[in-house]
């Protein structure tokens, strides 16, 4: 449940793995160094394909190289998020590559069974997606808690591997989050550039029923795509989503099993040298976190 932040405005929680999915307080962690081996396939079993719907387009303020001057986000910075709970899900875990047996075990995602998790992708120079997502998540957490939000992390590199994709969804559900954002970077072909936000499709099969979250998740995704483009000056994906920066998926357990509004943000393509240059820049990662924070704030303000 949301906490009252009028007396304690800065609060971050990490929902730890356990039988009762207990909540525990967690402090800020040091920035994570890059890890070793990784795979170039997209995370959570993700594949690259076009959008299934025709969402609203996001308009960037700069070109694909992020050279433009980011536009301001009107009103977002001063908005209070007291009493609202946001779950942040850093894609993958730096230790996953040491636990192939564990992360390759299949879990139920409602529509079928998929691997617990993957190692994620990396740049050609070895900067891992797991390191990237944790860094951006820490920046995003700080921006949201400064606005009074209660922030829950699915993990903080405080466990050897995981959590699995089904457990990640359960953490957001257990927190009764007002919004869940899973932070990722893609691993596509050279020349494929830009960000995109993955939205849940309407799914009703087995343990999956997304009927109640499709609408609010789309609104959350549209707000984030718009503010992300403004803050970073980067363009939406040129390889899926028809220039909208939005993609609808029915094959991701993290979305299928969610009962609260949730999206995935693919901040760029780590396998493209130009995108990789942005993703490895601390200044650009701060802009990316700012864009997501502004998008989440405008969504929560309604």
Foldseek 3Di string as FASTA:
>chain_A
DADACPPPLFFEWAQDDDPVSDIDGDDQDDQDDFADDFDLAAKLPDDDDAAPDQAAAADFQAEQLLPGAFDDQPPLQQAAPGRAEEEEEQAWARLVVVPVVQQQDWDDLQVGIGGQIGRHRAAPVRRGFNSLSLLLVSLLSVSNSVRRYYYYYNDNNPDNTDRGLLSLQVSCVVVVHQEYEYETAHRDAAVWKAKAKEAEDQDDGGLFGCVVQRVLLSLLRQLLSRLLSRLRVRFATPRYHVRRRYHYDHSRSNRRNHPHRYMYMHGIHSHHVSRVVLSPDPVSSSSNSVSSSSSNSVSVVD
